[in-house]
Amino acid sequence: MKGFAVILLVVVAMVQLFMAKPGAAISCGQVESQISPCLTYLSEGGTPSPSCCSGVKTLSQSLQTTQDRQTACGCLKTAASHYTNLKPDAASQLPTKCGVSIGVPISPTVDCSKIQ
């Protein structure tokens, strides 16, 4: 059942990704689509997969404005609240382990309105 929920989430995210208009602000569907390959790493730790890091890098390149970063922050907080087995240390270290800075702390306690 858990696997089905993850697959459903990915499908919904992909549909939203393709429906996004060029130049439009980033959507939660886009954020979730880019981060979904990281679910194993986020719940088990270790080393993020190449597809995970590719998604994180793509996400990083998509966060061009303060609004994009604040939206992505809110999306990440909401997505994280749906998974009880995520490791906070793995989440906070993900961008560094993938060699990028996304400008958004991955933490359930961050105040997204303060992100510049």
C-alpha atoms as a PDB file:
ATOM      1  CA  MET A   1       0.000   0.000   0.000  1.00  0.00           C
ATOM      2  CA  LYS A   2       2.863   2.380   0.848  1.00  0.00           C
ATOM      3  CA  GLY A   3       4.495   1.678  -2.529  1.00  0.00           C
ATOM      4  CA  PHE A   4       1.223   2.418  -4.294  1.00  0.00           C
ATOM      5  CA  ALA A   5       0.964   5.770  -2.489  1.00  0.00           C
ATOM      6  CA  VAL A   6       4.488   6.724  -3.579  1.00  0.00           C
ATOM      7  CA  ILE A   7       3.759   5.734  -7.189  1.00  0.00           C
ATOM      8  CA  LEU A   8       0.518   7.720  -7.120  1.00  0.00           C
ATOM      9  CA  LEU A   9       2.364  10.741  -5.732  1.00  0.00           C
ATOM     10  CA  VAL A  10       4.970  10.519  -8.503  1.00  0.00           C
ATOM     11  CA  VAL A  11       2.297  10.226 -11.218  1.00  0.00           C
ATOM     12  CA  VAL A  12       0.413  13.245  -9.862  1.00  0.00           C
ATOM     13  CA  ALA A  13       3.665  15.198  -9.633  1.00  0.00           C
ATOM     14  CA  MET A  14       4.567  14.347 -13.227  1.00  0.00           C
ATOM     15  CA  VAL A  15       1.151  15.457 -14.491  1.00  0.00           C
ATOM     16  CA  GLN A  16       1.505  18.752 -12.641  1.00  0.00           C
ATOM     17  CA  LEU A  17       5.036  19.176 -13.953  1.00  0.00           C
ATOM     18  CA  PHE A  18       3.947  18.900 -17.570  1.00  0.00           C
ATOM     19  CA  MET A  19       0.998  21.219 -16.991  1.00  0.00           C
ATOM     20  CA  ALA A  20       3.216  24.014 -15.647  1.00  0.00           C
ATOM     21  CA  LYS A  21       3.501  27.030 -17.914  1.00  0.00           C
ATOM     22  CA  PRO A  22       6.938  28.254 -18.976  1.00  0.00           C
ATOM     23  CA  GLY A  23       8.051  31.157 -16.824  1.00  0.00           C
ATOM     24  CA  ALA A  24       5.471  30.354 -14.156  1.00  0.00           C
ATOM     25  CA  ALA A  25       6.408  30.017 -10.509  1.00  0.00           C
ATOM     26  CA  ILE A  26       7.483  26.595  -9.333  1.00  0.00           C
ATOM     27  CA  SER A  27       4.748  24.222  -8.162  1.00  0.00           C
ATOM     28  CA  CYS A  28       4.663  21.572  -5.461  1.00  0.00           C
ATOM     29  CA  GLY A  29       4.245  19.025  -8.240  1.00  0.00           C
ATOM     30  CA  GLN A  30       7.574  20.073  -9.705  1.00  0.00           C
ATOM     31  CA  VAL A  31       9.313  20.006  -6.323  1.00  0.00           C
ATOM     32  CA  GLU A  32       7.909  16.577  -5.434  1.00  0.00           C
ATOM     33  CA  SER A  33       8.774  15.227  -8.872  1.00  0.00           C
ATOM     34  CA  GLN A  34      12.409  16.283  -8.496  1.00  0.00           C
ATOM     35  CA  ILE A  35      12.734  14.946  -4.937  1.00  0.00           C
ATOM     36  CA  SER A  36      10.796  11.679  -5.346  1.00  0.00           C
ATOM     37  CA  PRO A  37      13.883   9.684  -6.432  1.00  0.00           C
ATOM     38  CA  CYS A  38      15.347  10.599  -3.025  1.00  0.00           C
ATOM     39  CA  LEU A  39      12.727   8.846  -0.880  1.00  0.00           C
ATOM     40  CA  THR A  40      14.925   5.803  -0.240  1.00  0.00           C
ATOM     41  CA  TYR A  41      17.861   7.968   0.807  1.00  0.00           C
ATOM     42  CA  LEU A  42      15.637  10.181   2.973  1.00  0.00           C
ATOM     43  CA  SER A  43      14.211   7.213   4.855  1.00  0.00           C
ATOM     44  CA  GLU A  44      17.305   4.992   5.042  1.00  0.00           C
ATOM     45  CA  GLY A  45      20.262   7.377   4.858  1.00  0.00           C
ATOM     46  CA  GLY A  46      23.505   6.342   3.188  1.00  0.00           C
ATOM     47  CA  THR A  47      24.373   7.855  -0.165  1.00  0.00           C
ATOM     48  CA  PRO A  48      21.817   9.501  -2.465  1.00  0.00           C
ATOM     49  CA  SER A  49      21.381   7.798  -5.835  1.00  0.00           C
ATOM     50  CA  PRO A  50      22.486   9.491  -9.058  1.00  0.00           C
ATOM     51  CA  SER A  51      18.815  10.014 -10.032  1.00  0.00           C
ATOM     52  CA  CYS A  52      18.170  11.626  -6.643  1.00  0.00           C
ATOM     53  CA  CYS A  53      21.080  14.047  -7.063  1.00  0.00           C
ATOM     54  CA  SER A  54      20.015  14.792 -10.625  1.00  0.00           C
ATOM     55  CA  GLY A  55      16.592  15.800  -9.315  1.00  0.00           C
ATOM     56  CA  VAL A  56      18.103  17.935  -6.553  1.00  0.00           C
ATOM     57  CA  LYS A  57      20.326  19.697  -9.103  1.00  0.00           C
ATOM     58  CA  THR A  58      17.363  20.319 -11.404  1.00  0.00           C
ATOM     59  CA  LEU A  59      15.375  21.666  -8.466  1.00  0.00           C
ATOM     60  CA  SER A  60      18.259  23.947  -7.516  1.00  0.00           C
ATOM     61  CA  GLN A  61      18.317  25.414 -11.026  1.00  0.00           C
ATOM     62  CA  SER A  62      14.545  25.997 -10.870  1.00  0.00           C
ATOM     63  CA  LEU A  63      14.663  28.128  -7.737  1.00  0.00           C
ATOM     64  CA  GLN A  64      15.441  31.475  -9.326  1.00  0.00           C
ATOM     65  CA  THR A  65      13.356  33.847  -7.197  1.00  0.00           C
ATOM     66  CA  THR A  66      12.574  34.357  -3.517  1.00  0.00           C
ATOM     67  CA  GLN A  67       8.990  33.273  -4.263  1.00  0.00           C
ATOM     68  CA  ASP A  68      10.270  30.049  -5.882  1.00  0.00           C
ATOM     69  CA  ARG A  69      12.420  29.274  -2.835  1.00  0.00           C
ATOM     70  CA  GLN A  70       9.602  30.022  -0.385  1.00  0.00           C
ATOM     71  CA  THR A  71       7.163  27.904  -2.398  1.00  0.00           C
ATOM     72  CA  ALA A  72       9.635  25.016  -2.606  1.00  0.00           C
ATOM     73  CA  CYS A  73      10.212  25.278   1.144  1.00  0.00           C
ATOM     74  CA  GLY A  74       6.488  24.970   1.838  1.00  0.00           C
ATOM     75  CA  CYS A  75       6.196  22.070  -0.586  1.00  0.00           C
ATOM     76  CA  LEU A  76       9.074  20.218   1.058  1.00  0.00           C
ATOM     77  CA  LYS A  77       7.593  20.756   4.532  1.00  0.00           C
ATOM     78  CA  THR A  78       4.185  19.487   3.391  1.00  0.00           C
ATOM     79  CA  ALA A  79       5.663  16.466   1.618  1.00  0.00           C
ATOM     80  CA  ALA A  80       7.806  15.606   4.645  1.00  0.00           C
ATOM     81  CA  SER A  81       4.751  15.669   6.904  1.00  0.00           C
ATOM     82  CA  HIS A  82       3.266  12.772   4.912  1.00  0.00           C
ATOM     83  CA  TYR A  83       6.215  10.475   5.693  1.00  0.00           C
ATOM     84  CA  THR A  84       6.912   9.552   9.297  1.00  0.00           C
ATOM     85  CA  ASN A  85      10.086   7.571   8.616  1.00  0.00           C
ATOM     86  CA  LEU A  86      12.196  10.362   7.095  1.00  0.00           C
ATOM     87  CA  LYS A  87      15.550  10.977   8.756  1.00  0.00           C
ATOM     88  CA  PRO A  88      16.007  14.695   9.531  1.00  0.00           C
ATOM     89  CA  ASP A  89      19.800  14.458   9.216  1.00  0.00           C
ATOM     90  CA  ALA A  90      19.538  12.823   5.801  1.00  0.00           C
ATOM     91  CA  ALA A  91      17.142  15.538   4.636  1.00  0.00           C
ATOM     92  CA  SER A  92      19.295  18.426   5.842  1.00  0.00           C
ATOM     93  CA  GLN A  93      22.443  16.903   4.277  1.00  0.00           C
ATOM     94  CA  LEU A  94      20.867  16.033   0.920  1.00  0.00           C
ATOM     95  CA  PRO A  95      21.904  19.146  -1.052  1.00  0.00           C
ATOM     96  CA  THR A  96      25.477  18.958   0.276  1.00  0.00           C
ATOM     97  CA  LYS A  97      25.758  15.252  -0.527  1.00  0.00           C
ATOM     98  CA  CYS A  98      24.598  16.048  -4.061  1.00  0.00           C
ATOM     99  CA  GLY A  99      27.093  18.910  -4.371  1.00  0.00           C
ATOM    100  CA  VAL A 100      24.588  21.749  -4.705  1.00  0.00           C
ATOM    101  CA  SER A 101      23.016  24.522  -2.693  1.00  0.00           C
ATOM    102  CA  ILE A 102      19.290  24.859  -3.194  1.00  0.00           C
ATOM    103  CA  GLY A 103      18.935  27.929  -0.992  1.00  0.00           C
ATOM    104  CA  VAL A 104      16.211  26.222   1.015  1.00  0.00           C
ATOM    105  CA  PRO A 105      16.915  24.406   4.266  1.00  0.00           C
ATOM    106  CA  ILE A 106      15.245  21.010   4.293  1.00  0.00           C
ATOM    107  CA  SER A 107      13.808  20.974   7.775  1.00  0.00           C
ATOM    108  CA  PRO A 108      10.316  20.580   9.216  1.00  0.00           C
ATOM    109  CA  THR A 109      10.937  23.542  11.521  1.00  0.00           C
ATOM    110  CA  VAL A 110      12.103  26.164   9.026  1.00  0.00           C
ATOM    111  CA  ASP A 111      10.040  29.350   8.672  1.00  0.00           C
ATOM    112  CA  CYS A 112       9.577  29.485   4.904  1.00  0.00           C
ATOM    113  CA  SER A 113       8.486  33.137   4.962  1.00  0.00           C
ATOM    114  CA  LYS A 114      12.006  34.126   6.070  1.00  0.00           C
ATOM    115  CA  ILE A 115      13.766  32.524   3.108  1.00  0.00           C
ATOM    116  CA  GLN A 116      15.282  35.018   0.699  1.00  0.00           C
END
